[in-house]
N, C-alpha and C. Protein backbone atom coordinates (compact mmCIF):
# COMPACT_ATOMS: atom_id res chain seq x y z
N HIS A 1 0.47 -0.88 -0.42
CA HIS A 1 -0.07 0.20 0.26
C HIS A 1 0.95 0.67 0.30
N TRP A 2 0.32 2.23 0.08
CA TRP A 2 1.25 3.43 -0.98
C TRP A 2 1.76 4.58 0.88
N PHE A 3 0.75 4.09 2.20
CA PHE A 3 0.61 4.99 3.06
C PHE A 3 1.85 4.12 3.76
N LYS A 4 2.57 3.15 3.07
CA LYS A 4 3.41 2.02 3.61
C LYS A 4 5.05 2.87 3.50
N LEU A 5 4.71 3.11 2.20
CA LEU A 5 6.34 3.45 1.57
C LEU A 5 6.56 5.29 1.94
N LEU A 6 5.54 6.26 2.83
CA LEU A 6 5.96 7.11 3.52
C LEU A 6 6.36 7.40 5.07
N SER A 7 7.55 8.02 4.73
CA SER A 7 8.40 8.18 5.72
C SER A 7 8.15 9.66 6.04
N LEU A 8 8.83 10.24 7.02
CA LEU A 8 8.88 11.98 7.50
C LEU A 8 10.64 12.08 7.54
N GLU A 9 10.73 13.23 7.01
CA GLU A 9 11.92 14.10 7.21
C GLU A 9 12.10 14.69 8.50
N ASP A 10 13.15 15.14 9.05
CA ASP A 10 13.20 15.83 9.93
C ASP A 10 12.70 17.26 9.90
N ASP A 11 12.25 17.94 8.85
CA ASP A 11 11.23 18.63 8.76
C ASP A 11 9.61 18.64 8.87
N GLY A 12 9.33 16.93 8.97
CA GLY A 12 8.33 16.97 9.42
C GLY A 12 7.31 16.46 8.03
N MET A 13 8.04 16.85 6.50
CA MET A 13 7.68 16.96 5.17
C MET A 13 7.31 14.71 4.77
N ALA A 14 6.34 14.43 4.28
CA ALA A 14 6.48 13.17 4.12
C ALA A 14 6.70 12.95 2.54
N THR A 15 7.44 12.00 2.48
CA THR A 15 8.57 11.21 1.26
C THR A 15 8.79 9.99 1.07
N THR A 16 9.05 9.54 0.09
CA THR A 16 8.77 7.92 -0.41
C THR A 16 10.07 7.62 -0.28
N ASN A 17 9.50 6.38 -0.44
CA ASN A 17 11.12 5.60 -0.21
C ASN A 17 11.18 5.07 -1.24
N LYS A 18 12.07 5.01 -1.98
CA LYS A 18 12.70 4.38 -3.14
C LYS A 18 13.31 2.85 -3.10
N ARG A 19 12.63 1.61 -3.87
CA ARG A 19 13.75 0.85 -4.14
C ARG A 19 15.26 0.65 -4.74
N LYS A 20 15.45 -0.11 -3.89
CA LYS A 20 16.52 -0.13 -4.42
C LYS A 20 16.77 -1.02 -5.55
N LEU A 21 17.77 -0.75 -6.62
CA LEU A 21 17.94 -0.87 -7.71
C LEU A 21 19.64 -2.26 -7.81
N HIS A 22 19.88 -3.18 -8.46
CA HIS A 22 20.69 -4.02 -7.93
C HIS A 22 21.25 -4.23 -9.18
N SER A 23 22.46 -3.98 -10.15
CA SER A 23 23.12 -4.63 -10.39
C SER A 23 23.38 -6.17 -10.50
N ALA A 24 23.95 -6.90 -11.81
CA ALA A 24 23.43 -8.37 -12.15
C ALA A 24 24.54 -8.62 -11.36
N ASP A 25 26.22 -7.96 -11.41
CA ASP A 25 27.11 -8.64 -10.89
C ASP A 25 26.94 -8.53 -9.17
N PHE A 26 26.03 -7.33 -8.85
CA PHE A 26 25.96 -7.56 -7.47
C PHE A 26 25.66 -9.01 -6.65
N LYS A 27 24.45 -8.62 -7.77
CA LYS A 27 23.32 -10.14 -7.18
C LYS A 27 24.59 -11.92 -7.00
N ALA A 28 25.37 -11.62 -8.27
CA ALA A 28 26.35 -12.98 -8.30
C ALA A 28 26.93 -12.19 -7.51
N LYS A 29 27.30 -11.81 -6.76
CA LYS A 29 28.46 -11.21 -5.72
C LYS A 29 27.75 -12.02 -4.32
N VAL A 30 26.49 -11.16 -4.01
CA VAL A 30 25.73 -11.90 -2.92
C VAL A 30 25.23 -13.94 -3.14
N ALA A 31 24.79 -13.68 -4.15
CA ALA A 31 24.56 -15.13 -4.58
C ALA A 31 26.32 -16.09 -4.16
N LEU A 32 26.91 -15.70 -4.79
CA LEU A 32 28.48 -16.79 -4.46
C LEU A 32 28.57 -16.69 -2.63
N GLU A 33 28.26 -15.45 -2.19
CA GLU A 33 28.82 -15.82 -1.15
C GLU A 33 27.41 -16.60 0.31
N ALA A 34 26.59 -17.14 -0.47
CA ALA A 34 25.52 -17.65 -0.21
C ALA A 34 25.87 -18.98 -0.24
N VAL A 35 26.27 -19.44 -1.47
CA VAL A 35 26.47 -20.84 -1.70
C VAL A 35 28.17 -21.14 -1.16
N ARG A 36 28.93 -20.50 -0.88
CA ARG A 36 30.19 -20.81 -0.35
C ARG A 36 29.74 -21.61 0.78
N GLY A 37 28.85 -21.24 1.54
CA GLY A 37 28.35 -21.33 3.04
C GLY A 37 29.08 -21.28 3.88
N LEU A 38 29.88 -20.55 4.23
CA LEU A 38 30.95 -19.91 5.37
C LEU A 38 30.36 -19.22 6.30
N MET A 39 28.75 -18.55 5.98
CA MET A 39 28.35 -17.94 6.79
C MET A 39 27.13 -17.87 6.61
N THR A 40 25.97 -18.12 7.35
CA THR A 40 24.64 -18.34 6.90
C THR A 40 24.01 -17.02 6.56
N ILE A 41 22.87 -17.77 5.49
CA ILE A 41 22.14 -16.60 4.69
C ILE A 41 21.46 -15.37 5.97
N ASN A 42 22.30 -15.13 6.94
CA ASN A 42 20.96 -14.30 7.55
C ASN A 42 22.36 -13.33 7.89
N GLU A 43 23.61 -13.54 7.67
CA GLU A 43 24.83 -13.04 8.24
C GLU A 43 25.13 -12.48 6.80
N VAL A 44 25.30 -13.43 5.43
CA VAL A 44 25.51 -12.61 4.85
C VAL A 44 24.69 -11.64 3.85
N GLY A 45 23.56 -11.66 4.50
CA GLY A 45 22.54 -10.29 4.30
C GLY A 45 22.77 -8.96 5.11
N GLN A 46 22.78 -9.82 6.51
CA GLN A 46 23.64 -8.79 6.92
C GLN A 46 24.67 -7.57 6.75
N LYS A 47 25.88 -8.97 6.32
CA LYS A 47 27.02 -8.25 6.45
C LYS A 47 27.17 -7.33 4.95
N LEU A 48 26.10 -7.46 3.75
CA LEU A 48 25.96 -6.98 3.14
C LEU A 48 24.90 -5.72 2.71
N GLU A 49 24.29 -6.11 3.80
CA GLU A 49 22.95 -4.96 3.59
C GLU A 49 21.68 -5.14 2.85
N GLU A 50 21.25 -6.28 2.99
CA GLU A 50 20.19 -7.04 2.03
C GLU A 50 19.41 -7.53 3.23
N HIS A 51 18.40 -7.66 2.87
CA HIS A 51 16.73 -8.65 3.40
C HIS A 51 17.54 -10.20 3.66
N PRO A 52 17.36 -11.39 4.36
CA PRO A 52 17.78 -12.66 4.32
C PRO A 52 16.87 -13.24 2.61
N MET A 53 15.85 -12.36 2.49
CA MET A 53 15.12 -13.12 2.01
C MET A 53 15.62 -13.08 0.15
N MET A 54 15.96 -11.77 0.90
CA MET A 54 16.96 -11.17 -1.19
C MET A 54 17.54 -12.20 -1.70
N VAL A 55 18.79 -12.11 -0.68
CA VAL A 55 19.71 -14.05 -0.32
C VAL A 55 19.26 -14.32 -1.05
N ARG A 56 18.57 -15.45 -0.10
CA ARG A 56 17.82 -16.55 -1.08
C ARG A 56 17.51 -16.39 -2.17
N GLN A 57 16.82 -15.26 -2.93
CA GLN A 57 15.92 -15.96 -3.76
C GLN A 57 17.30 -15.51 -4.74
N TRP A 58 18.55 -14.59 -4.79
CA TRP A 58 19.30 -14.57 -5.98
C TRP A 58 20.05 -15.35 -5.43
N LYS A 59 20.69 -17.11 -4.32
CA LYS A 59 20.89 -18.35 -4.24
C LYS A 59 20.79 -18.62 -5.13
N LYS A 60 19.30 -18.98 -5.33
CA LYS A 60 18.15 -19.90 -5.58
C LYS A 60 18.61 -19.44 -7.56
N ALA A 61 18.28 -18.34 -7.55
CA ALA A 61 18.67 -18.35 -8.84
C ALA A 61 20.08 -18.36 -9.27
N PHE A 62 20.84 -18.04 -8.89
CA PHE A 62 22.04 -18.10 -9.43
C PHE A 62 21.92 -20.26 -9.75
N LEU A 63 22.10 -21.23 -8.35
CA LEU A 63 22.17 -22.49 -9.01
C LEU A 63 21.39 -23.15 -9.67
N GLU A 64 20.20 -22.44 -9.68
CA GLU A 64 19.23 -22.74 -11.40
C GLU A 64 20.26 -22.31 -12.89
N ASN A 65 20.64 -21.60 -12.39
CA ASN A 65 21.44 -20.87 -14.18
C ASN A 65 22.78 -21.37 -13.74
N ALA A 66 23.16 -22.07 -13.38
CA ALA A 66 24.97 -22.45 -12.86
C ALA A 66 25.16 -23.15 -14.13
N GLY A 67 24.13 -24.15 -14.76
CA GLY A 67 24.38 -24.77 -15.39
C GLY A 67 25.17 -24.53 -16.85
N ALA A 68 24.38 -23.09 -17.01
CA ALA A 68 24.86 -22.36 -18.14
C ALA A 68 26.27 -21.94 -18.59
N CYS A 69 26.97 -22.38 -17.01
CA CYS A 69 28.57 -22.13 -17.36
C CYS A 69 29.74 -22.95 -17.58
N LEU A 70 28.84 -23.72 -17.63
CA LEU A 70 29.23 -25.21 -17.99
C LEU A 70 29.08 -25.34 -19.55
N ILE A 71 28.05 -25.07 -20.31
CA ILE A 71 28.16 -24.54 -21.79
C ILE A 71 28.93 -23.61 -22.36
N THR A 72 29.96 -24.00 -23.39
CA THR A 72 30.90 -23.22 -23.75
C THR A 72 30.56 -22.58 -24.83
N SER A 73 30.88 -21.38 -25.10
CA SER A 73 30.41 -19.91 -25.50
C SER A 73 30.17 -19.84 -27.34
N ALA A 74 31.20 -21.02 -27.39
CA ALA A 74 31.29 -21.67 -29.18
C ALA A 74 30.14 -23.00 -29.26
N VAL A 75 28.97 -22.58 -28.26
CA VAL A 75 28.38 -23.67 -28.40
C VAL A 75 26.78 -22.90 -28.33
N LEU A 76 26.39 -22.15 -27.37
CA LEU A 76 25.77 -21.29 -27.05
C LEU A 76 26.85 -19.59 -26.64
N SER A 77 25.65 -18.81 -27.05
CA SER A 77 25.79 -17.25 -26.84
C SER A 77 25.26 -17.04 -25.95
N LEU A 78 25.99 -16.49 -24.20
CA LEU A 78 25.35 -16.53 -23.28
C LEU A 78 24.95 -15.12 -23.55
N PRO A 79 24.04 -14.67 -22.72
CA PRO A 79 23.51 -13.55 -22.74
C PRO A 79 24.99 -12.63 -21.77
N ILE A 80 24.69 -11.05 -21.62
CA ILE A 80 26.21 -10.77 -21.09
C ILE A 80 26.00 -10.72 -19.32
N THR A 81 25.37 -10.85 -18.88
CA THR A 81 24.80 -10.98 -16.93
C THR A 81 25.36 -12.73 -16.76
N ALA A 82 24.83 -13.93 -17.63
CA ALA A 82 25.38 -15.02 -17.46
C ALA A 82 26.66 -15.26 -17.73
N THR A 83 27.03 -14.32 -18.59
CA THR A 83 28.89 -14.82 -18.81
C THR A 83 29.66 -14.28 -17.52
N ARG A 84 28.67 -12.18 -17.00
CA ARG A 84 29.64 -11.97 -15.94
C ARG A 84 29.54 -12.93 -15.20
N MET A 85 28.62 -13.80 -14.48
CA MET A 85 28.12 -14.57 -13.25
C MET A 85 29.05 -15.91 -13.50
N CYS A 86 29.72 -16.33 -14.20
CA CYS A 86 30.51 -17.32 -14.69
C CYS A 86 31.52 -16.86 -14.79
N SER A 87 32.20 -15.89 -14.87
CA SER A 87 33.05 -15.53 -14.35
C SER A 87 33.64 -15.64 -13.18
N MET A 88 32.26 -14.76 -12.57
CA MET A 88 32.91 -14.33 -11.34
C MET A 88 33.06 -15.92 -10.68
N ALA A 89 32.73 -17.08 -11.17
CA ALA A 89 32.38 -17.84 -10.35
C ALA A 89 33.49 -18.34 -10.54
N ARG A 90 33.81 -18.80 -11.78
CA ARG A 90 35.48 -19.76 -11.75
C ARG A 90 36.30 -18.65 -11.08
N LEU A 91 36.19 -16.93 -10.76
CA LEU A 91 38.06 -16.18 -10.46
C LEU A 91 37.14 -16.56 -8.49
N GLY A 92 36.42 -16.75 -8.20
CA GLY A 92 35.98 -16.52 -6.68
C GLY A 92 35.77 -15.72 -6.37
N ALA A 93 35.22 -14.65 -7.15
CA ALA A 93 35.21 -13.62 -6.50
C ALA A 93 34.05 -13.00 -5.73
């Protein structure tokens, strides 16, 4: 609901909160942290200032699309976001 998006500034004026927009690279970084398993989902979210539900969703999407990393680019032309995710996974970023 719209009224949940309103917050009060110091001067009492109401403003709307804007949604955060994240790049594919950032989502891949978060997903890789979660996949590594060195921290819990909650700890990853806290470290990177993201809600644990978003971390879970990005981890799930990353794992579901991980097979695309194993297909060579000569056989299939990968979209740039998938290519970036695969190169980050190979580099351990």
